[in-house]
């Protein structure tokens, strides 16, 4: 019956096709029965419900595929972010020795200054020990 109603061959029955079919049945039938109208309505509704169910199933599948695609994209973005972070860390590590060399030069300069001061203090202490030693020797010789 649906195939007869589908006059444009689209595979579906639109409102005007449905109404045209009902009018033709009513005009060409001498004994139009209410039961026939109910059967046509039932068949049409069954067909539409079937199509709607198919559409809902396809929409749900599409929704699941989109969710899977979105999750795959998010995972790819997170992977790229981790790779970028790792590359940045490598770059930072490569630049770190330059800063460390500068710091080492400053520390070396500071240590050299401190060593020079310590050497001066050791000389002064040696001189003081030598003076004390000679004073002690002089005291021993007097006593």
C-alpha atoms as a PDB file:
ATOM      1  CA  UNK A   1       0.000   0.000   0.000  1.00  0.00           C
ATOM      2  CA  UNK A   2       2.838   2.369   0.889  1.00  0.00           C
ATOM      3  CA  UNK A   3       4.431   1.734  -2.498  1.00  0.00           C
ATOM      4  CA  UNK A   4       1.201   2.808  -4.182  1.00  0.00           C
ATOM      5  CA  UNK A   5       1.091   5.991  -2.126  1.00  0.00           C
ATOM      6  CA  UNK A   6       4.698   6.915  -2.997  1.00  0.00           C
ATOM      7  CA  UNK A   7       4.020   8.636  -6.311  1.00  0.00           C
ATOM      8  CA  UNK A   8       7.349  10.474  -6.596  1.00  0.00           C
ATOM      9  CA  UNK A   9       9.427   7.299  -5.990  1.00  0.00           C
ATOM     10  CA  UNK A  10      11.357   8.809  -3.094  1.00  0.00           C
ATOM     11  CA  UNK A  11      10.909   5.743  -0.895  1.00  0.00           C
ATOM     12  CA  UNK A  12       8.759   7.646   1.577  1.00  0.00           C
ATOM     13  CA  UNK A  13       5.242   9.031   1.667  1.00  0.00           C
ATOM     14  CA  UNK A  14       4.869  12.719   2.339  1.00  0.00           C
ATOM     15  CA  UNK A  15       1.730  14.451   3.541  1.00  0.00           C
ATOM     16  CA  UNK A  16       0.424  15.435   0.092  1.00  0.00           C
ATOM     17  CA  UNK A  17       0.937  11.886  -1.293  1.00  0.00           C
ATOM     18  CA  UNK A  18      -0.907  10.425   1.670  1.00  0.00           C
ATOM     19  CA  UNK A  19      -3.827  12.849   1.301  1.00  0.00           C
ATOM     20  CA  UNK A  20      -3.977  12.327  -2.497  1.00  0.00           C
ATOM     21  CA  UNK A  21      -4.132   8.562  -2.001  1.00  0.00           C
ATOM     22  CA  UNK A  22      -6.930   8.841   0.551  1.00  0.00           C
ATOM     23  CA  UNK A  23      -8.892  11.129  -1.765  1.00  0.00           C
ATOM     24  CA  UNK A  24      -8.505   8.720  -4.687  1.00  0.00           C
ATOM     25  CA  UNK A  25      -9.673   5.836  -2.540  1.00  0.00           C
ATOM     26  CA  UNK A  26     -12.627   7.867  -1.308  1.00  0.00           C
ATOM     27  CA  UNK A  27     -13.573   9.028  -4.827  1.00  0.00           C
ATOM     28  CA  UNK A  28     -13.174   5.642  -6.511  1.00  0.00           C
ATOM     29  CA  UNK A  29     -14.747   3.529  -3.832  1.00  0.00           C
ATOM     30  CA  UNK A  30     -18.484   3.181  -3.618  1.00  0.00           C
ATOM     31  CA  UNK A  31     -18.342   1.533  -0.242  1.00  0.00           C
ATOM     32  CA  UNK A  32     -15.630   3.427   1.658  1.00  0.00           C
ATOM     33  CA  UNK A  33     -15.426   1.741   4.980  1.00  0.00           C
ATOM     34  CA  UNK A  34     -14.069   3.263   8.187  1.00  0.00           C
ATOM     35  CA  UNK A  35     -12.095   0.075   8.718  1.00  0.00           C
ATOM     36  CA  UNK A  36     -10.172   0.685   5.484  1.00  0.00           C
ATOM     37  CA  UNK A  37      -9.272   4.166   6.677  1.00  0.00           C
ATOM     38  CA  UNK A  38      -8.076   2.746   9.987  1.00  0.00           C
ATOM     39  CA  UNK A  39      -5.978   0.106   8.195  1.00  0.00           C
ATOM     40  CA  UNK A  40      -4.367   2.783   6.050  1.00  0.00           C
ATOM     41  CA  UNK A  41      -3.657   4.886   9.116  1.00  0.00           C
ATOM     42  CA  UNK A  42      -2.235   1.887  10.990  1.00  0.00           C
ATOM     43  CA  UNK A  43      -0.004   0.886   8.033  1.00  0.00           C
ATOM     44  CA  UNK A  44       1.214   4.437   7.616  1.00  0.00           C
ATOM     45  CA  UNK A  45       1.974   4.804  11.313  1.00  0.00           C
ATOM     46  CA  UNK A  46       3.777   1.444  11.419  1.00  0.00           C
ATOM     47  CA  UNK A  47       5.882   2.474   8.458  1.00  0.00           C
ATOM     48  CA  UNK A  48       6.713   5.839  10.021  1.00  0.00           C
ATOM     49  CA  UNK A  49       7.542   4.254  13.391  1.00  0.00           C
ATOM     50  CA  UNK A  50       9.852   1.800  11.662  1.00  0.00           C
ATOM     51  CA  UNK A  51      11.635   4.604   9.833  1.00  0.00           C
ATOM     52  CA  UNK A  52      11.876   6.638  13.033  1.00  0.00           C
ATOM     53  CA  UNK A  53      13.337   3.658  14.889  1.00  0.00           C
ATOM     54  CA  UNK A  54      15.925   3.162  12.145  1.00  0.00           C
ATOM     55  CA  UNK A  55      16.783   6.855  12.287  1.00  0.00           C
ATOM     56  CA  UNK A  56      17.162   6.762  16.080  1.00  0.00           C
ATOM     57  CA  UNK A  57      19.438   3.731  15.816  1.00  0.00           C
ATOM     58  CA  UNK A  58      21.611   5.482  13.234  1.00  0.00           C
ATOM     59  CA  UNK A  59      21.724   8.629  15.378  1.00  0.00           C
ATOM     60  CA  UNK A  60      22.827   6.607  18.420  1.00  0.00           C
ATOM     61  CA  UNK A  61      25.549   4.916  16.361  1.00  0.00           C
ATOM     62  CA  UNK A  62      26.675   8.295  15.063  1.00  0.00           C
ATOM     63  CA  UNK A  63      26.716   9.670  18.605  1.00  0.00           C
ATOM     64  CA  UNK A  64      28.892   6.777  19.798  1.00  0.00           C
ATOM     65  CA  UNK A  65      31.253   7.199  16.833  1.00  0.00           C
ATOM     66  CA  UNK A  66      31.552  10.925  17.544  1.00  0.00           C
ATOM     67  CA  UNK A  67      32.297  10.200  21.210  1.00  0.00           C
ATOM     68  CA  UNK A  68      34.974   7.696  20.193  1.00  0.00           C
ATOM     69  CA  UNK A  69      36.434  10.193  17.709  1.00  0.00           C
ATOM     70  CA  UNK A  70      36.435  12.949  20.342  1.00  0.00           C
ATOM     71  CA  UNK A  71      38.196  10.660  22.829  1.00  0.00           C
ATOM     72  CA  UNK A  72      40.784   9.695  20.215  1.00  0.00           C
ATOM     73  CA  UNK A  73      41.396  13.368  19.420  1.00  0.00           C
ATOM     74  CA  UNK A  74      41.746  14.212  23.127  1.00  0.00           C
ATOM     75  CA  UNK A  75      44.247  11.378  23.577  1.00  0.00           C
ATOM     76  CA  UNK A  76      46.226  12.624  20.576  1.00  0.00           C
ATOM     77  CA  UNK A  77      46.257  16.178  21.933  1.00  0.00           C
ATOM     78  CA  UNK A  78      47.388  14.947  25.361  1.00  0.00           C
ATOM     79  CA  UNK A  79      50.136  12.877  23.734  1.00  0.00           C
ATOM     80  CA  UNK A  80      51.292  15.911  21.739  1.00  0.00           C
ATOM     81  CA  UNK A  81      51.264  18.043  24.912  1.00  0.00           C
ATOM     82  CA  UNK A  82      53.442  15.465  26.703  1.00  0.00           C
ATOM     83  CA  UNK A  83      55.822  15.425  23.734  1.00  0.00           C
ATOM     84  CA  UNK A  84      55.980  19.219  23.740  1.00  0.00           C
ATOM     85  CA  UNK A  85      56.655  19.244  27.492  1.00  0.00           C
ATOM     86  CA  UNK A  86      59.422  16.675  27.030  1.00  0.00           C
ATOM     87  CA  UNK A  87      60.956  18.720  24.192  1.00  0.00           C
ATOM     88  CA  UNK A  88      60.797  21.870  26.326  1.00  0.00           C
ATOM     89  CA  UNK A  89      62.465  20.022  29.206  1.00  0.00           C
ATOM     90  CA  UNK A  90      65.231  18.877  26.833  1.00  0.00           C
ATOM     91  CA  UNK A  91      65.675  22.439  25.597  1.00  0.00           C
ATOM     92  CA  UNK A  92      65.778  23.728  29.160  1.00  0.00           C
ATOM     93  CA  UNK A  93      68.337  21.056  30.056  1.00  0.00           C
ATOM     94  CA  UNK A  94      70.446  21.996  27.032  1.00  0.00           C
ATOM     95  CA  UNK A  95      70.446  25.640  28.115  1.00  0.00           C
ATOM     96  CA  UNK A  96      71.135  24.818  31.775  1.00  0.00           C
ATOM     97  CA  UNK A  97      74.902  24.242  31.331  1.00  0.00           C
ATOM     98  CA  UNK A  98      75.296  27.798  30.007  1.00  0.00           C
ATOM     99  CA  UNK A  99      73.785  29.158  33.221  1.00  0.00           C
ATOM    100  CA  UNK A 100      75.795  26.640  35.259  1.00  0.00           C
ATOM    101  CA  UNK A 101      79.043  27.678  33.562  1.00  0.00           C
ATOM    102  CA  UNK A 102      78.364  31.281  34.463  1.00  0.00           C
ATOM    103  CA  UNK A 103      77.606  30.286  38.038  1.00  0.00           C
ATOM    104  CA  UNK A 104      80.767  28.166  38.136  1.00  0.00           C
ATOM    105  CA  UNK A 105      82.850  31.137  36.971  1.00  0.00           C
ATOM    106  CA  UNK A 106      81.381  33.292  39.740  1.00  0.00           C
ATOM    107  CA  UNK A 107      82.022  30.598  42.353  1.00  0.00           C
ATOM    108  CA  UNK A 108      85.560  30.083  41.067  1.00  0.00           C
ATOM    109  CA  UNK A 109      86.249  33.804  41.315  1.00  0.00           C
ATOM    110  CA  UNK A 110      84.854  33.910  44.843  1.00  0.00           C
ATOM    111  CA  UNK A 111      86.871  30.858  45.890  1.00  0.00           C
ATOM    112  CA  UNK A 112      90.064  32.272  44.376  1.00  0.00           C
ATOM    113  CA  UNK A 113      89.589  35.463  46.400  1.00  0.00           C
ATOM    114  CA  UNK A 114      88.967  33.444  49.585  1.00  0.00           C
ATOM    115  CA  UNK A 115      92.014  31.235  48.956  1.00  0.00           C
ATOM    116  CA  UNK A 116      94.187  34.325  48.488  1.00  0.00           C
ATOM    117  CA  UNK A 117      92.920  35.719  51.814  1.00  0.00           C
ATOM    118  CA  UNK A 118      93.567  32.373  53.535  1.00  0.00           C
ATOM    119  CA  UNK A 119      97.112  32.259  52.144  1.00  0.00           C
ATOM    120  CA  UNK A 120      97.681  35.777  53.505  1.00  0.00           C
ATOM    121  CA  UNK A 121      96.344  34.708  56.895  1.00  0.00           C
ATOM    122  CA  UNK A 122      98.569  31.592  56.877  1.00  0.00           C
ATOM    123  CA  UNK A 123     101.606  33.783  56.168  1.00  0.00           C
ATOM    124  CA  UNK A 124     100.627  36.072  59.043  1.00  0.00           C
ATOM    125  CA  UNK A 125     100.142  33.067  61.339  1.00  0.00           C
ATOM    126  CA  UNK A 126     103.504  31.607  60.311  1.00  0.00           C
ATOM    127  CA  UNK A 127     105.105  34.939  61.039  1.00  0.00           C
ATOM    128  CA  UNK A 128     103.370  35.091  64.428  1.00  0.00           C
ATOM    129  CA  UNK A 129     104.384  31.496  65.217  1.00  0.00           C
ATOM    130  CA  UNK A 130     107.955  32.278  64.204  1.00  0.00           C
ATOM    131  CA  UNK A 131     107.958  35.369  66.435  1.00  0.00           C
ATOM    132  CA  UNK A 132     106.472  33.387  69.337  1.00  0.00           C
ATOM    133  CA  UNK A 133     108.954  30.602  68.785  1.00  0.00           C
ATOM    134  CA  UNK A 134     111.884  33.022  68.889  1.00  0.00           C
ATOM    135  CA  UNK A 135     110.422  34.736  71.962  1.00  0.00           C
ATOM    136  CA  UNK A 136     110.013  31.358  73.630  1.00  0.00           C
ATOM    137  CA  UNK A 137     113.593  30.431  72.768  1.00  0.00           C
ATOM    138  CA  UNK A 138     114.785  33.731  74.184  1.00  0.00           C
ATOM    139  CA  UNK A 139     112.873  33.123  77.396  1.00  0.00           C
ATOM    140  CA  UNK A 140     114.310  29.645  77.723  1.00  0.00           C
ATOM    141  CA  UNK A 141     117.824  30.964  77.222  1.00  0.00           C
ATOM    142  CA  UNK A 142     117.325  33.572  79.954  1.00  0.00           C
ATOM    143  CA  UNK A 143     115.872  31.180  82.449  1.00  0.00           C
END
